[in-house]
Amino acid sequence: MTLALTGVASPLFAQTAPPTLQTVSPTGAQRGTRARITLTGTNIAGATRLIFSEPGFTAAIGETREVPSEDALCREVAGRIADGEVLGWFQGRMELGPRALGNRSILCDPRRPDMRDVLNVKIKLREPFRPFAPSVLREAMGEWFEVDDDVPFMMKVYEIREEQRARIPAVTHVDGTGRPHTVTSRANPLYHRLIGAFAERMGEVTPLARRAEISYEKIAKGPIEATARLGVQAAEALATLDAEGKVEFPCEIELADASGTRVATATVGWHVRLNKPAAAEA
């Protein structure tokens, strides 16, 4: 079972083992969990069959807010992820097994190069080299990975297409691979819609900070305020983006203390390119 739950070995096992040996439980463990579920007749085919009390969870987190519809929820969550927030996604029944599959998941933007460090150091509290797994619409799997396969339980590691690696650095391992989780509208309709909403954001543009320079002038003894100015006219940058599909420009930033005294300046070089619509999320 250890071999089967090893993401790198699992696809190799599937390619070489006889078909009669390729049925592997995604909930494998030495605690007998799978055996007990089988004996009690619990159905785990959908991967999210154990019940957890949503009212109890709502009471535990305290303040809540109603949204008008599930579509509105997905649009808001997708927007907050695109703005750099890290969110906890809780819905329906809990997953069974070692993977979070869209019902008890930590969600973030895979386009941010720093996101792996943010999650590993501040949230997961684990070694910084560990990569994260992207959830991807099943119908878009071939757009992101070299192998177009069903991976509903996040148990296989495949090569990410070379042209896509720079777009999703937070989920691209050092060897160019990723451990995907394919999501279908039948297995997890709400999570599928959320990824689709985020895909619309990814289909617009990808901004990449290519360089950054900072010059410190004074010690800031309290809050500071940052003012950013584009190094080009916005209309000119948009025209170049429309014509060439990409644009580079500097952004000048001034940081001042509460009295208005400048304490530092910075220059960030941005590269922005248009994307074709696709779908992936961490």
Protein backbone atom coordinates (compact mmCIF):
# COMPACT_ATOMS: atom_id res chain seq x y z
CA MET A 1 0.00 0.00 0.00
CA THR A 2 2.93 2.33 0.64
CA LEU A 3 3.97 1.92 -2.99
CA ALA A 4 0.45 2.59 -4.24
CA LEU A 5 0.18 5.83 -2.24
CA THR A 6 3.54 7.08 -3.56
CA GLY A 7 2.60 9.56 -6.27
CA VAL A 8 5.69 8.99 -8.43
CA ALA A 9 5.48 5.19 -8.31
CA SER A 10 1.72 4.91 -8.67
CA PRO A 11 1.48 5.76 -12.41
CA LEU A 12 4.43 3.45 -13.14
CA PHE A 13 2.64 0.69 -11.24
CA ALA A 14 -0.50 1.29 -13.30
CA GLN A 15 1.51 0.99 -16.54
CA THR A 16 3.30 -2.24 -15.68
CA ALA A 17 1.14 -4.24 -13.25
CA PRO A 18 -1.48 -6.72 -14.51
CA PRO A 19 -5.01 -5.28 -14.56
CA THR A 20 -6.06 -7.60 -11.74
CA LEU A 21 -3.58 -5.89 -9.40
CA GLN A 22 -4.42 -2.29 -10.27
CA THR A 23 -7.35 -1.76 -7.92
CA VAL A 24 -5.83 0.39 -5.18
CA SER A 25 -7.76 1.94 -2.33
CA PRO A 26 -7.09 5.69 -1.90
CA THR A 27 -7.74 5.27 1.83
CA GLY A 28 -5.00 2.73 2.50
CA ALA A 29 -3.62 2.68 6.03
CA GLN A 30 -2.46 0.24 8.68
CA ARG A 31 -5.23 1.21 11.11
CA GLY A 32 -7.85 -1.03 9.52
CA THR A 33 -10.05 1.92 8.48
CA ARG A 34 -10.76 0.53 5.04
CA ALA A 35 -11.59 -2.92 6.41
CA ARG A 36 -14.03 -1.51 8.97
CA ILE A 37 -15.80 0.59 6.33
CA THR A 38 -16.12 -2.43 4.07
CA LEU A 39 -17.57 -4.55 6.86
CA THR A 40 -20.12 -1.88 7.80
CA GLY A 41 -21.16 -1.37 4.18
CA THR A 42 -20.20 2.31 3.96
CA ASN A 43 -20.01 3.53 0.35
CA ILE A 44 -16.74 5.37 -0.35
CA ALA A 45 -17.01 5.37 -4.15
CA GLY A 46 -17.62 9.12 -4.22
CA ALA A 47 -14.65 9.79 -1.89
CA THR A 48 -16.68 12.20 0.26
CA ARG A 49 -19.14 10.07 2.18
CA LEU A 50 -18.42 10.56 5.90
CA ILE A 51 -20.68 13.10 7.56
CA PHE A 52 -19.35 16.08 9.53
CA SER A 53 -21.68 18.53 11.24
CA GLU A 54 -21.82 21.79 9.27
CA PRO A 55 -23.97 23.49 11.94
CA GLY A 56 -21.35 22.54 14.50
CA PHE A 57 -18.60 23.97 12.33
CA THR A 58 -20.55 27.19 11.77
CA ALA A 59 -20.99 27.60 15.52
CA ALA A 60 -17.26 27.06 16.05
CA ILE A 61 -16.14 29.81 13.66
CA GLY A 62 -18.58 32.36 15.04
CA GLU A 63 -19.48 35.16 12.62
CA THR A 64 -20.92 34.08 9.28
CA ARG A 65 -22.35 35.88 6.25
CA GLU A 66 -24.97 34.77 3.76
CA VAL A 67 -24.32 34.94 0.01
CA PRO A 68 -27.20 35.15 -2.50
CA SER A 69 -26.25 32.03 -4.48
CA GLU A 70 -23.62 29.36 -5.01
CA ASP A 71 -22.50 31.15 -8.18
CA ALA A 72 -21.98 34.35 -6.19
CA LEU A 73 -20.03 32.36 -3.58
CA CYS A 74 -17.75 30.86 -6.25
CA ARG A 75 -17.13 34.25 -7.88
CA GLU A 76 -16.28 35.88 -4.56
CA VAL A 77 -13.97 33.06 -3.44
CA ALA A 78 -12.24 32.99 -6.85
CA GLY A 79 -11.71 36.74 -6.67
CA ARG A 80 -10.26 36.60 -3.17
CA ILE A 81 -7.89 33.81 -4.18
CA ALA A 82 -6.81 35.83 -7.23
CA ASP A 83 -6.15 38.78 -4.88
CA GLY A 84 -3.65 36.66 -2.94
CA GLU A 85 -5.73 35.43 -0.01
CA VAL A 86 -5.35 31.94 1.44
CA LEU A 87 -8.76 30.46 2.22
CA GLY A 88 -10.17 27.45 4.00
CA TRP A 89 -12.84 25.72 1.87
CA PHE A 90 -15.39 23.73 3.89
CA GLN A 91 -18.46 22.16 2.31
CA GLY A 92 -20.54 19.01 2.47
CA ARG A 93 -19.17 15.70 3.69
CA MET A 94 -15.56 15.23 4.72
CA GLU A 95 -13.00 13.35 2.67
CA LEU A 96 -11.88 9.86 3.67
CA GLY A 97 -8.16 9.21 3.31
CA PRO A 98 -4.92 11.21 3.33
CA ARG A 99 -5.88 13.85 0.72
CA ALA A 100 -8.04 16.97 0.84
CA LEU A 101 -10.28 16.71 -2.23
CA GLY A 102 -12.28 19.92 -2.31
CA ASN A 103 -14.41 19.54 0.81
CA ARG A 104 -11.83 20.34 3.50
CA SER A 105 -9.16 22.14 1.48
CA ILE A 106 -6.75 25.06 1.76
CA LEU A 107 -7.05 27.13 -1.42
CA CYS A 108 -4.65 29.69 -2.86
CA ASP A 109 -3.39 31.11 -6.15
CA PRO A 110 -0.93 28.72 -7.88
CA ARG A 111 0.46 31.60 -9.98
CA ARG A 112 2.27 33.19 -7.03
CA PRO A 113 5.90 32.01 -6.72
CA ASP A 114 5.92 32.83 -3.00
CA MET A 115 2.76 30.90 -2.16
CA ARG A 116 4.56 27.62 -1.44
CA ASP A 117 6.68 29.33 1.22
CA VAL A 118 3.67 31.11 2.68
CA LEU A 119 1.78 27.85 3.13
CA ASN A 120 4.67 25.68 4.26
CA VAL A 121 6.18 28.12 6.75
CA LYS A 122 3.12 29.95 8.10
CA ILE A 123 0.24 27.49 7.77
CA LYS A 124 1.32 23.89 7.23
CA LEU A 125 4.48 24.27 9.38
CA ARG A 126 6.48 21.79 7.32
CA GLU A 127 9.65 21.68 5.23
CA PRO A 128 9.76 24.53 2.68
CA PHE A 129 10.64 22.31 -0.29
CA ARG A 130 7.38 20.40 -0.20
CA PRO A 131 5.16 21.17 -3.21
CA PHE A 132 1.39 21.54 -3.26
CA ALA A 133 -1.12 19.71 -5.40
CA PRO A 134 -3.27 21.53 -7.98
CA SER A 135 -6.96 20.80 -8.40
CA VAL A 136 -7.79 20.87 -12.11
CA LEU A 137 -11.01 20.46 -14.04
CA ARG A 138 -11.04 16.98 -15.54
CA GLU A 139 -11.80 18.41 -18.98
CA ALA A 140 -8.70 20.65 -18.76
CA MET A 141 -6.25 18.01 -17.51
CA GLY A 142 -4.57 17.66 -20.91
CA GLU A 143 -3.99 21.41 -21.12
CA TRP A 144 -1.85 21.37 -17.99
CA PHE A 145 -0.24 17.91 -17.82
CA GLU A 146 1.58 15.71 -20.31
CA VAL A 147 -0.74 12.80 -19.44
CA ASP A 148 -4.50 13.23 -19.77
CA ASP A 149 -5.64 10.90 -17.00
CA ASP A 150 -8.26 10.61 -14.27
CA VAL A 151 -6.69 11.37 -10.89
CA PRO A 152 -9.70 11.84 -8.59
CA PHE A 153 -7.82 10.94 -5.40
CA MET A 154 -4.58 12.92 -5.98
CA MET A 155 -2.49 9.74 -6.06
CA LYS A 156 -0.35 10.18 -9.20
CA VAL A 157 2.49 12.52 -10.15
CA TYR A 158 2.77 13.62 -13.78
CA GLU A 159 4.89 16.09 -15.72
CA ILE A 160 3.36 19.53 -16.08
CA ARG A 161 3.45 20.75 -19.67
CA GLU A 162 6.58 22.81 -20.15
CA GLU A 163 4.74 25.87 -21.46
CA GLN A 164 2.52 25.92 -18.37
CA ARG A 165 5.12 25.61 -15.61
CA ALA A 166 5.89 29.32 -15.36
CA ARG A 167 2.18 30.04 -14.99
CA ILE A 168 1.71 27.88 -11.88
CA PRO A 169 5.03 27.94 -9.97
CA ALA A 170 3.42 27.28 -6.58
CA VAL A 171 2.41 23.75 -7.63
CA THR A 172 5.31 22.93 -9.96
CA HIS A 173 7.97 20.80 -8.29
CA VAL A 174 11.69 21.29 -8.96
CA ASP A 175 11.64 18.49 -11.56
CA GLY A 176 8.70 19.99 -13.47
CA THR A 177 6.09 17.60 -12.09
CA GLY A 178 2.87 18.07 -10.16
CA ARG A 179 0.41 15.86 -8.29
CA PRO A 180 -2.97 16.70 -9.83
CA HIS A 181 -6.45 16.26 -8.46
CA THR A 182 -8.97 16.03 -11.28
CA VAL A 183 -12.44 17.35 -10.45
CA THR A 184 -15.67 16.52 -12.26
CA SER A 185 -19.03 18.21 -12.01
CA ARG A 186 -20.59 14.88 -11.05
CA ALA A 187 -18.25 14.05 -8.16
CA ASN A 188 -18.02 17.54 -6.66
CA PRO A 189 -20.29 20.06 -8.43
CA LEU A 190 -19.66 23.06 -6.18
CA TYR A 191 -15.88 22.68 -6.17
CA HIS A 192 -16.00 22.19 -9.95
CA ARG A 193 -17.86 25.49 -10.30
CA LEU A 194 -15.38 27.24 -8.03
CA ILE A 195 -12.43 26.10 -10.14
CA GLY A 196 -14.31 27.21 -13.25
CA ALA A 197 -14.77 30.67 -11.71
CA PHE A 198 -11.07 30.86 -10.94
CA ALA A 199 -10.27 29.66 -14.47
CA GLU A 200 -11.98 32.78 -15.80
CA ARG A 201 -9.53 34.83 -13.75
CA MET A 202 -6.56 32.84 -15.02
CA GLY A 203 -7.84 33.24 -18.57
CA GLU A 204 -7.31 36.99 -18.43
CA VAL A 205 -3.67 37.82 -17.69
CA THR A 206 -0.72 36.51 -15.68
CA PRO A 207 1.39 39.17 -13.92
CA LEU A 208 4.95 38.21 -13.01
CA ALA A 209 7.36 40.35 -10.96
CA ARG A 210 10.65 39.96 -12.81
CA ARG A 211 12.84 42.16 -10.60
CA ALA A 212 12.64 44.31 -7.49
CA GLU A 213 14.99 46.92 -6.07
CA ILE A 214 14.55 48.74 -2.76
CA SER A 215 16.44 51.65 -1.23
CA TYR A 216 16.10 52.32 2.52
CA GLU A 217 16.44 55.94 3.66
CA LYS A 218 15.15 56.19 7.24
CA ILE A 219 13.93 53.96 10.07
CA ALA A 220 10.14 53.86 10.10
CA LYS A 221 8.96 54.23 13.69
CA GLY A 222 5.36 53.20 13.17
CA PRO A 223 2.91 52.60 10.34
CA ILE A 224 3.97 53.35 6.78
CA GLU A 225 1.99 54.09 3.64
CA ALA A 226 3.02 52.91 0.19
CA THR A 227 2.20 54.86 -2.96
CA ALA A 228 2.73 53.10 -6.30
CA ARG A 229 2.98 54.73 -9.72
CA LEU A 230 3.18 53.00 -13.10
CA GLY A 231 6.30 53.79 -15.09
CA VAL A 232 4.21 53.99 -18.28
CA GLN A 233 0.82 55.38 -19.21
CA ALA A 234 -1.90 52.80 -18.51
CA ALA A 235 -3.41 53.27 -21.97
CA GLU A 236 -0.01 52.68 -23.57
CA ALA A 237 0.55 49.47 -21.56
CA LEU A 238 -2.91 48.14 -22.46
CA ALA A 239 -2.37 48.91 -26.14
CA THR A 240 0.91 46.99 -26.12
CA LEU A 241 -0.74 44.08 -24.30
CA ASP A 242 -3.55 43.93 -26.85
CA ALA A 243 -1.17 44.16 -29.82
CA GLU A 244 1.63 41.85 -28.66
CA GLY A 245 0.01 39.68 -25.99
CA LYS A 246 2.55 40.83 -23.40
CA VAL A 247 3.98 43.99 -21.90
CA GLU A 248 6.76 44.93 -19.48
CA PHE A 249 6.83 48.06 -17.34
CA PRO A 250 8.31 49.35 -14.07
CA CYS A 251 6.30 50.32 -11.01
CA GLU A 252 7.79 53.00 -8.74
CA ILE A 253 6.85 52.74 -5.06
CA GLU A 254 7.37 55.32 -2.33
CA LEU A 255 7.00 54.44 1.36
CA ALA A 256 6.35 57.21 3.88
CA ASP A 257 5.75 57.31 7.64
CA ALA A 258 2.78 58.89 9.43
CA SER A 259 4.30 62.38 9.12
CA GLY A 260 4.70 62.02 5.37
CA THR A 261 8.49 61.62 5.49
CA ARG A 262 9.83 59.23 2.87
CA VAL A 263 11.54 56.22 4.46
CA ALA A 264 12.20 54.04 1.42
CA THR A 265 11.68 53.71 -2.33
CA ALA A 266 11.33 50.62 -4.49
CA THR A 267 11.12 49.71 -8.16
CA VAL A 268 9.37 46.54 -9.32
CA GLY A 269 9.66 45.36 -12.91
CA TRP A 270 6.46 43.68 -14.08
CA HIS A 271 5.88 41.34 -17.00
CA VAL A 272 2.22 40.81 -17.93
CA ARG A 273 0.96 38.43 -20.60
CA LEU A 274 -2.42 37.37 -21.91
CA ASN A 275 -3.51 33.80 -21.32
CA LYS A 276 -5.88 31.48 -23.08
CA PRO A 277 -8.68 30.24 -20.83
CA ALA A 278 -7.77 27.17 -18.77
CA ALA A 279 -8.37 25.80 -15.29
CA ALA A 280 -6.13 24.94 -12.37
CA GLU A 281 -6.06 25.79 -8.66
CA ALA A 282 -4.03 24.93 -5.59
